[in-house]
Amino acid sequence: ARSSPIWRFRPTPLFVAPPILAATSIAMPVGLLFYLGA
């Protein structure tokens, strides 16, 4: 799978998902952040 052409798109979520999740977290109440962090 790593040698297939589609592999070049696989690492994309690695760098996209965490910033999106962090951006949405800044509006969450602390109580929810504790739950989401755990």
All heavy atoms as atom14 arrays in JSON, in Angstrom:
{
  "sequence": "ARSSPIWRFRPTPLFVAPPILAATSIAMPVGLLFYLGA",
  "atom14_mask": [
    [1, 1, 1, 1, 1, 0, 0, 0, 0, 0, 0, 0, 0, 0],
    [1, 1, 1, 1, 1, 1, 1, 1, 1, 1, 1, 0, 0, 0],
    [1, 1, 1, 1, 1, 1, 0, 0, 0, 0, 0, 0, 0, 0],
    [1, 1, 1, 1, 1, 1, 0, 0, 0, 0, 0, 0, 0, 0],
    [1, 1, 1, 1, 1, 1, 1, 0, 0, 0, 0, 0, 0, 0],
    [1, 1, 1, 1, 1, 1, 1, 1, 0, 0, 0, 0, 0, 0],
    [1, 1, 1, 1, 1, 1, 1, 1, 1, 1, 1, 1, 1, 1],
    [1, 1, 1, 1, 1, 1, 1, 1, 1, 1, 1, 0, 0, 0],
    [1, 1, 1, 1, 1, 1, 1, 1, 1, 1, 1, 0, 0, 0],
    [1, 1, 1, 1, 1, 1, 1, 1, 1, 1, 1, 0, 0, 0],
    [1, 1, 1, 1, 1, 1, 1, 0, 0, 0, 0, 0, 0, 0],
    [1, 1, 1, 1, 1, 1, 1, 0, 0, 0, 0, 0, 0, 0],
    [1, 1, 1, 1, 1, 1, 1, 0, 0, 0, 0, 0, 0, 0],
    [1, 1, 1, 1, 1, 1, 1, 1, 0, 0, 0, 0, 0, 0],
    [1, 1, 1, 1, 1, 1, 1, 1, 1, 1, 1, 0, 0, 0],
    [1, 1, 1, 1, 1, 1, 1, 0, 0, 0, 0, 0, 0, 0],
    [1, 1, 1, 1, 1, 0, 0, 0, 0, 0, 0, 0, 0, 0],
    [1, 1, 1, 1, 1, 1, 1, 0, 0, 0, 0, 0, 0, 0],
    [1, 1, 1, 1, 1, 1, 1, 0, 0, 0, 0, 0, 0, 0],
    [1, 1, 1, 1, 1, 1, 1, 1, 0, 0, 0, 0, 0, 0],
    [1, 1, 1, 1, 1, 1, 1, 1, 0, 0, 0, 0, 0, 0],
    [1, 1, 1, 1, 1, 0, 0, 0, 0, 0, 0, 0, 0, 0],
    [1, 1, 1, 1, 1, 0, 0, 0, 0, 0, 0, 0, 0, 0],
    [1, 1, 1, 1, 1, 1, 1, 0, 0, 0, 0, 0, 0, 0],
    [1, 1, 1, 1, 1, 1, 0, 0, 0, 0, 0, 0, 0, 0],
    [1, 1, 1, 1, 1, 1, 1, 1, 0, 0, 0, 0, 0, 0],
    [1, 1, 1, 1, 1, 0, 0, 0, 0, 0, 0, 0, 0, 0],
    [1, 1, 1, 1, 1, 1, 1, 1, 0, 0, 0, 0, 0, 0],
    [1, 1, 1, 1, 1, 1, 1, 0, 0, 0, 0, 0, 0, 0],
    [1, 1, 1, 1, 1, 1, 1, 0, 0, 0, 0, 0, 0, 0],
    [1, 1, 1, 1, 0, 0, 0, 0, 0, 0, 0, 0, 0, 0],
    [1, 1, 1, 1, 1, 1, 1, 1, 0, 0, 0, 0, 0, 0],
    [1, 1, 1, 1, 1, 1, 1, 1, 0, 0, 0, 0, 0, 0],
    [1, 1, 1, 1, 1, 1, 1, 1, 1, 1, 1, 0, 0, 0],
    [1, 1, 1, 1, 1, 1, 1, 1, 1, 1, 1, 1, 0, 0],
    [1, 1, 1, 1, 1, 1, 1, 1, 0, 0, 0, 0, 0, 0],
    [1, 1, 1, 1, 0, 0, 0, 0, 0, 0, 0, 0, 0, 0],
    [1, 1, 1, 1, 1, 0, 0, 0, 0, 0, 0, 0, 0, 0]
  ],
  "atom14_positions": [
    [[0.83, -1.2, 0.0], [0.0, 0.0, 0.0], [0.86, 1.26, 0.0], [0.53, 2.26, -0.64], [-0.92, 0.0, 1.22], [0.0, 0.0, 0.0], [0.0, 0.0, 0.0], [0.0, 0.0, 0.0], [0.0, 0.0, 0.0], [0.0, 0.0, 0.0], [0.0, 0.0, 0.0], [0.0, 0.0, 0.0], [0.0, 0.0, 0.0], [0.0, 0.0, 0.0]],
    [[2.0, 1.2, 0.69], [2.89, 2.36, 0.76], [3.5, 2.68, -0.6], [3.82, 3.84, -0.89], [4.0, 2.1, 1.77], [4.69, 3.34, 2.3], [5.81, 2.95, 3.24], [5.31, 2.19, 4.37], [4.85, 2.74, 5.48], [4.82, 4.05, 5.6], [4.42, 1.99, 6.48], [0.0, 0.0, 0.0], [0.0, 0.0, 0.0], [0.0, 0.0, 0.0]],
    [[3.67, 1.66, -1.45], [4.28, 1.87, -2.77], [3.26, 2.24, -3.83], [3.64, 2.55, -4.96], [5.02, 0.59, -3.21], [4.11, -0.49, -3.36], [0.0, 0.0, 0.0], [0.0, 0.0, 0.0], [0.0, 0.0, 0.0], [0.0, 0.0, 0.0], [0.0, 0.0, 0.0], [0.0, 0.0, 0.0], [0.0, 0.0, 0.0], [0.0, 0.0, 0.0]],
    [[1.97, 2.23, -3.49], [0.95, 2.55, -4.48], [0.85, 4.06, -4.68], [1.18, 4.84, -3.78], [-0.41, 2.0, -4.04], [-0.86, 2.68, -2.88], [0.0, 0.0, 0.0], [0.0, 0.0, 0.0], [0.0, 0.0, 0.0], [0.0, 0.0, 0.0], [0.0, 0.0, 0.0], [0.0, 0.0, 0.0], [0.0, 0.0, 0.0], [0.0, 0.0, 0.0]],
    [[0.35, 4.51, -5.84], [0.24, 5.95, -6.09], [-0.67, 6.68, -5.11], [-0.45, 7.85, -4.81], [-0.34, 6.01, -7.51], [0.04, 4.71, -8.14], [0.02, 3.7, -7.02], [0.0, 0.0, 0.0], [0.0, 0.0, 0.0], [0.0, 0.0, 0.0], [0.0, 0.0, 0.0], [0.0, 0.0, 0.0], [0.0, 0.0, 0.0], [0.0, 0.0, 0.0]],
    [[-1.67, 5.96, -4.57], [-2.61, 6.62, -3.66], [-1.97, 6.98, -2.32], [-2.5, 7.79, -1.56], [-3.85, 5.72, -3.44], [-5.03, 6.55, -2.92], [-3.53, 4.57, -2.48], [-6.32, 5.77, -2.83], [0.0, 0.0, 0.0], [0.0, 0.0, 0.0], [0.0, 0.0, 0.0], [0.0, 0.0, 0.0], [0.0, 0.0, 0.0], [0.0, 0.0, 0.0]],
    [[-0.8, 6.38, -2.03], [-0.13, 6.62, -0.75], [0.2, 8.09, -0.55], [0.19, 8.59, 0.59], [1.14, 5.78, -0.66], [2.05, 6.22, 0.45], [3.22, 6.91, 0.35], [1.85, 6.02, 1.85], [3.77, 7.14, 1.58], [2.94, 6.61, 2.53], [0.85, 5.4, 2.6], [3.06, 6.6, 3.91], [0.97, 5.39, 3.99], [2.06, 5.99, 4.62]],
    [[0.48, 8.8, -1.63], [0.9, 10.19, -1.45], [-0.2, 11.05, -0.84], [0.08, 12.16, -0.36], [1.34, 10.79, -2.8], [0.25, 10.88, -3.84], [0.8, 11.52, -5.13], [-0.2, 11.62, -6.17], [-0.44, 10.7, -7.07], [0.27, 9.57, -7.05], [-1.37, 10.86, -7.99], [0.0, 0.0, 0.0], [0.0, 0.0, 0.0], [0.0, 0.0, 0.0]],
    [[-1.45, 10.55, -0.84], [-2.54, 11.31, -0.22], [-2.8, 10.86, 1.22], [-3.52, 11.55, 1.94], [-3.84, 11.14, -1.03], [-3.73, 11.63, -2.44], [-3.65, 10.74, -3.5], [-3.7, 12.99, -2.72], [-3.55, 11.19, -4.82], [-3.59, 13.45, -4.02], [-3.52, 12.55, -5.07], [0.0, 0.0, 0.0], [0.0, 0.0, 0.0], [0.0, 0.0, 0.0]],
    [[-2.24, 9.73, 1.64], [-2.55, 9.19, 2.95], [-2.05, 10.06, 4.1], [-2.74, 10.21, 5.1], [-1.96, 7.77, 3.08], [-2.59, 6.74, 2.16], [-4.05, 6.52, 2.48], [-4.23, 5.91, 3.77], [-4.23, 4.6, 3.99], [-4.05, 3.76, 2.99], [-4.41, 4.13, 5.21], [0.0, 0.0, 0.0], [0.0, 0.0, 0.0], [0.0, 0.0, 0.0]],
    [[-0.84, 10.64, 4.03], [-0.38, 11.45, 5.17], [-1.11, 12.78, 5.34], [-0.89, 13.47, 6.33], [1.1, 11.69, 4.87], [1.47, 10.65, 3.87], [0.24, 10.44, 3.05], [0.0, 0.0, 0.0], [0.0, 0.0, 0.0], [0.0, 0.0, 0.0], [0.0, 0.0, 0.0], [0.0, 0.0, 0.0], [0.0, 0.0, 0.0], [0.0, 0.0, 0.0]],
    [[-1.96, 13.16, 4.39], [-2.61, 14.47, 4.45], [-3.37, 14.7, 5.75], [-3.22, 15.76, 6.39], [-3.54, 14.66, 3.24], [-2.78, 14.53, 2.04], [-4.2, 16.02, 3.28], [0.0, 0.0, 0.0], [0.0, 0.0, 0.0], [0.0, 0.0, 0.0], [0.0, 0.0, 0.0], [0.0, 0.0, 0.0], [0.0, 0.0, 0.0], [0.0, 0.0, 0.0]],
    [[-4.23, 13.74, 6.2], [-4.94, 13.99, 7.47], [-4.03, 14.19, 8.66], [-4.42, 14.8, 9.65], [-5.79, 12.71, 7.63], [-5.89, 12.13, 6.26], [-4.61, 12.48, 5.58], [0.0, 0.0, 0.0], [0.0, 0.0, 0.0], [0.0, 0.0, 0.0], [0.0, 0.0, 0.0], [0.0, 0.0, 0.0], [0.0, 0.0, 0.0], [0.0, 0.0, 0.0]],
    [[-2.81, 13.67, 8.58], [-1.87, 13.8, 9.68], [-1.59, 15.26, 10.01], [-1.4, 15.64, 11.17], [-0.56, 13.07, 9.33], [0.53, 13.02, 10.39], [0.06, 12.22, 11.58], [1.79, 12.4, 9.8], [0.0, 0.0, 0.0], [0.0, 0.0, 0.0], [0.0, 0.0, 0.0], [0.0, 0.0, 0.0], [0.0, 0.0, 0.0], [0.0, 0.0, 0.0]],
    [[-1.57, 16.11, 8.99], [-1.25, 17.52, 9.17], [-2.48, 18.42, 9.11], [-2.39, 19.59, 9.46], [-0.24, 17.95, 8.11], [1.03, 17.15, 8.12], [1.23, 16.14, 7.2], [2.0, 17.38, 9.07], [2.4, 15.39, 7.21], [3.17, 16.64, 9.1], [3.37, 15.63, 8.17], [0.0, 0.0, 0.0], [0.0, 0.0, 0.0], [0.0, 0.0, 0.0]],
    [[-3.61, 17.88, 8.66], [-4.82, 18.68, 8.52], [-5.75, 18.52, 9.72], [-6.25, 19.5, 10.27], [-5.56, 18.31, 7.22], [-6.9, 19.05, 7.15], [-4.71, 18.64, 6.01], [0.0, 0.0, 0.0], [0.0, 0.0, 0.0], [0.0, 0.0, 0.0], [0.0, 0.0, 0.0], [0.0, 0.0, 0.0], [0.0, 0.0, 0.0], [0.0, 0.0, 0.0]],
    [[-5.95, 17.26, 10.16], [-6.93, 17.01, 11.22], [-6.57, 17.66, 12.56], [-7.44, 18.31, 13.17], [-7.12, 15.5, 11.4], [0.0, 0.0, 0.0], [0.0, 0.0, 0.0], [0.0, 0.0, 0.0], [0.0, 0.0, 0.0], [0.0, 0.0, 0.0], [0.0, 0.0, 0.0], [0.0, 0.0, 0.0], [0.0, 0.0, 0.0], [0.0, 0.0, 0.0]],
    [[-5.33, 17.54, 13.07], [-5.04, 18.17, 14.37], [-5.26, 19.68, 14.41], [-5.85, 20.18, 15.38], [-3.56, 17.8, 14.61], [-3.37, 16.52, 13.85], [-4.2, 16.69, 12.61], [0.0, 0.0, 0.0], [0.0, 0.0, 0.0], [0.0, 0.0, 0.0], [0.0, 0.0, 0.0], [0.0, 0.0, 0.0], [0.0, 0.0, 0.0], [0.0, 0.0, 0.0]],
    [[-4.81, 20.45, 13.4], [-5.1, 21.89, 13.46], [-6.59, 22.21, 13.44], [-7.05, 23.13, 14.13], [-4.41, 22.44, 12.2], [-3.33, 21.46, 11.91], [-3.9, 20.13, 12.29], [0.0, 0.0, 0.0], [0.0, 0.0, 0.0], [0.0, 0.0, 0.0], [0.0, 0.0, 0.0], [0.0, 0.0, 0.0], [0.0, 0.0, 0.0], [0.0, 0.0, 0.0]],
    [[-7.36, 21.44, 12.65], [-8.81, 21.67, 12.61], [-9.42, 21.38, 13.97], [-10.26, 22.14, 14.48], [-9.46, 20.8, 11.52], [-9.02, 21.27, 10.13], [-10.98, 20.83, 11.64], [-9.55, 20.42, 9.0], [0.0, 0.0, 0.0], [0.0, 0.0, 0.0], [0.0, 0.0, 0.0], [0.0, 0.0, 0.0], [0.0, 0.0, 0.0], [0.0, 0.0, 0.0]],
    [[-9.0, 20.27, 14.59], [-9.51, 19.91, 15.91], [-9.12, 20.96, 16.94], [-9.93, 21.33, 17.8], [-8.96, 18.54, 16.31], [-9.57, 17.88, 17.54], [-11.07, 17.72, 17.37], [-8.92, 16.54, 17.8], [0.0, 0.0, 0.0], [0.0, 0.0, 0.0], [0.0, 0.0, 0.0], [0.0, 0.0, 0.0], [0.0, 0.0, 0.0], [0.0, 0.0, 0.0]],
    [[-7.89, 21.47, 16.86], [-7.46, 22.5, 17.79], [-8.25, 23.8, 17.59], [-8.62, 24.46, 18.56], [-5.96, 22.76, 17.62], [0.0, 0.0, 0.0], [0.0, 0.0, 0.0], [0.0, 0.0, 0.0], [0.0, 0.0, 0.0], [0.0, 0.0, 0.0], [0.0, 0.0, 0.0], [0.0, 0.0, 0.0], [0.0, 0.0, 0.0], [0.0, 0.0, 0.0]],
    [[-8.52, 24.13, 16.33], [-9.27, 25.36, 16.03], [-10.69, 25.29, 16.58], [-11.22, 26.28, 17.1], [-9.28, 25.61, 14.53], [0.0, 0.0, 0.0], [0.0, 0.0, 0.0], [0.0, 0.0, 0.0], [0.0, 0.0, 0.0], [0.0, 0.0, 0.0], [0.0, 0.0, 0.0], [0.0, 0.0, 0.0], [0.0, 0.0, 0.0], [0.0, 0.0, 0.0]],
    [[-11.31, 24.11, 16.48], [-12.68, 23.97, 17.01], [-12.68, 23.9, 18.53], [-13.68, 24.26, 19.16], [-13.35, 22.72, 16.44], [-12.54, 21.56, 16.73], [-13.51, 22.83, 14.94], [0.0, 0.0, 0.0], [0.0, 0.0, 0.0], [0.0, 0.0, 0.0], [0.0, 0.0, 0.0], [0.0, 0.0, 0.0], [0.0, 0.0, 0.0], [0.0, 0.0, 0.0]],
    [[-11.56, 23.48, 19.12], [-11.5, 23.33, 20.58], [-11.46, 24.68, 21.3], [-11.85, 24.76, 22.47], [-10.27, 22.51, 20.98], [-10.34, 21.2, 20.47], [0.0, 0.0, 0.0], [0.0, 0.0, 0.0], [0.0, 0.0, 0.0], [0.0, 0.0, 0.0], [0.0, 0.0, 0.0], [0.0, 0.0, 0.0], [0.0, 0.0, 0.0], [0.0, 0.0, 0.0]],
    [[-11.0, 25.73, 20.63], [-10.86, 27.01, 21.32], [-12.21, 27.6, 21.72], [-12.26, 28.46, 22.6], [-10.08, 28.03, 20.45], [-10.86, 28.36, 19.18], [-8.7, 27.51, 20.12], [-10.2, 29.44, 18.35], [0.0, 0.0, 0.0], [0.0, 0.0, 0.0], [0.0, 0.0, 0.0], [0.0, 0.0, 0.0], [0.0, 0.0, 0.0], [0.0, 0.0, 0.0]],
    [[-13.29, 27.13, 21.11], [-14.61, 27.65, 21.47], [-15.33, 26.73, 22.45], [-16.43, 27.05, 22.9], [-15.47, 27.82, 20.21], [0.0, 0.0, 0.0], [0.0, 0.0, 0.0], [0.0, 0.0, 0.0], [0.0, 0.0, 0.0], [0.0, 0.0, 0.0], [0.0, 0.0, 0.0], [0.0, 0.0, 0.0], [0.0, 0.0, 0.0], [0.0, 0.0, 0.0]],
    [[-14.73, 25.59, 22.79], [-15.39, 24.63, 23.68], [-15.19, 25.04, 25.14], [-14.1, 25.48, 25.53], [-14.82, 23.23, 23.47], [-15.16, 22.61, 22.14], [-14.51, 20.93, 22.02], [-14.89, 20.57, 20.3], [0.0, 0.0, 0.0], [0.0, 0.0, 0.0], [0.0, 0.0, 0.0], [0.0, 0.0, 0.0], [0.0, 0.0, 0.0], [0.0, 0.0, 0.0]],
    [[-16.2, 24.86, 25.97], [-16.04, 25.11, 27.41], [-15.0, 24.16, 28.0], [-14.77, 23.06, 27.5], [-17.44, 24.82, 27.97], [-18.36, 24.93, 26.81], [-17.58, 24.5, 25.62], [0.0, 0.0, 0.0], [0.0, 0.0, 0.0], [0.0, 0.0, 0.0], [0.0, 0.0, 0.0], [0.0, 0.0, 0.0], [0.0, 0.0, 0.0], [0.0, 0.0, 0.0]],
    [[-14.38, 24.6, 29.09], [-13.33, 23.82, 29.74], [-13.84, 22.44, 30.15], [-13.12, 21.45, 30.06], [-12.77, 24.59, 30.94], [-11.95, 23.68, 31.85], [-11.92, 25.76, 30.48], [0.0, 0.0, 0.0], [0.0, 0.0, 0.0], [0.0, 0.0, 0.0], [0.0, 0.0, 0.0], [0.0, 0.0, 0.0], [0.0, 0.0, 0.0], [0.0, 0.0, 0.0]],
    [[-15.08, 22.37, 30.62], [-15.63, 21.08, 31.03], [-15.6, 20.07, 29.9], [-15.25, 18.9, 30.1], [0.0, 0.0, 0.0], [0.0, 0.0, 0.0], [0.0, 0.0, 0.0], [0.0, 0.0, 0.0], [0.0, 0.0, 0.0], [0.0, 0.0, 0.0], [0.0, 0.0, 0.0], [0.0, 0.0, 0.0], [0.0, 0.0, 0.0], [0.0, 0.0, 0.0]],
    [[-15.96, 20.53, 28.69], [-15.93, 19.64, 27.52], [-14.5, 19.33, 27.11], [-14.2, 18.23, 26.65], [-16.67, 20.28, 26.35], [-18.2, 20.27, 26.42], [-18.77, 20.93, 25.17], [-18.74, 18.87, 26.55], [0.0, 0.0, 0.0], [0.0, 0.0, 0.0], [0.0, 0.0, 0.0], [0.0, 0.0, 0.0], [0.0, 0.0, 0.0], [0.0, 0.0, 0.0]],
    [[-13.6, 20.32, 27.25], [-12.21, 20.08, 26.89], [-11.57, 19.01, 27.77], [-10.75, 18.21, 27.31], [-11.41, 21.38, 27.0], [-11.6, 22.4, 25.88], [-10.69, 23.61, 26.11], [-11.3, 21.78, 24.52], [0.0, 0.0, 0.0], [0.0, 0.0, 0.0], [0.0, 0.0, 0.0], [0.0, 0.0, 0.0], [0.0, 0.0, 0.0], [0.0, 0.0, 0.0]],
    [[-11.95, 18.97, 29.05], [-11.45, 17.91, 29.92], [-11.89, 16.55, 29.4], [-11.1, 15.6, 29.34], [-11.95, 18.11, 31.35], [-10.97, 18.81, 32.23], [-11.15, 20.13, 32.58], [-9.85, 18.15, 32.71], [-10.24, 20.79, 33.4], [-8.93, 18.79, 33.52], [-9.12, 20.11, 33.87], [0.0, 0.0, 0.0], [0.0, 0.0, 0.0], [0.0, 0.0, 0.0]],
    [[-13.15, 16.46, 29.05], [-13.67, 15.18, 28.53], [-12.98, 14.82, 27.22], [-12.55, 13.68, 27.03], [-15.18, 15.3, 28.33], [-15.82, 14.02, 27.83], [-16.28, 13.06, 28.72], [-15.96, 13.77, 26.46], [-16.87, 11.89, 28.27], [-16.54, 12.6, 26.01], [-17.0, 11.66, 26.91], [-17.57, 10.5, 26.46], [0.0, 0.0, 0.0], [0.0, 0.0, 0.0]],
    [[-12.88, 15.78, 26.29], [-12.27, 15.51, 24.99], [-10.78, 15.21, 25.12], [-10.24, 14.36, 24.41], [-12.48, 16.72, 24.06], [-12.1, 16.53, 22.59], [-12.83, 15.34, 21.99], [-12.39, 17.79, 21.79], [0.0, 0.0, 0.0], [0.0, 0.0, 0.0], [0.0, 0.0, 0.0], [0.0, 0.0, 0.0], [0.0, 0.0, 0.0], [0.0, 0.0, 0.0]],
    [[-10.1, 15.91, 26.04], [-8.69, 15.63, 26.26], [-8.46, 14.23, 26.8], [-7.57, 13.5, 26.32], [0.0, 0.0, 0.0], [0.0, 0.0, 0.0], [0.0, 0.0, 0.0], [0.0, 0.0, 0.0], [0.0, 0.0, 0.0], [0.0, 0.0, 0.0], [0.0, 0.0, 0.0], [0.0, 0.0, 0.0], [0.0, 0.0, 0.0], [0.0, 0.0, 0.0]],
    [[-9.26, 13.83, 27.79], [-9.14, 12.48, 28.33], [-9.48, 11.44, 27.27], [-8.85, 10.38, 27.18], [-10.05, 12.32, 29.54], [0.0, 0.0, 0.0], [0.0, 0.0, 0.0], [0.0, 0.0, 0.0], [0.0, 0.0, 0.0], [0.0, 0.0, 0.0], [0.0, 0.0, 0.0], [0.0, 0.0, 0.0], [0.0, 0.0, 0.0], [0.0, 0.0, 0.0]]
  ]
}
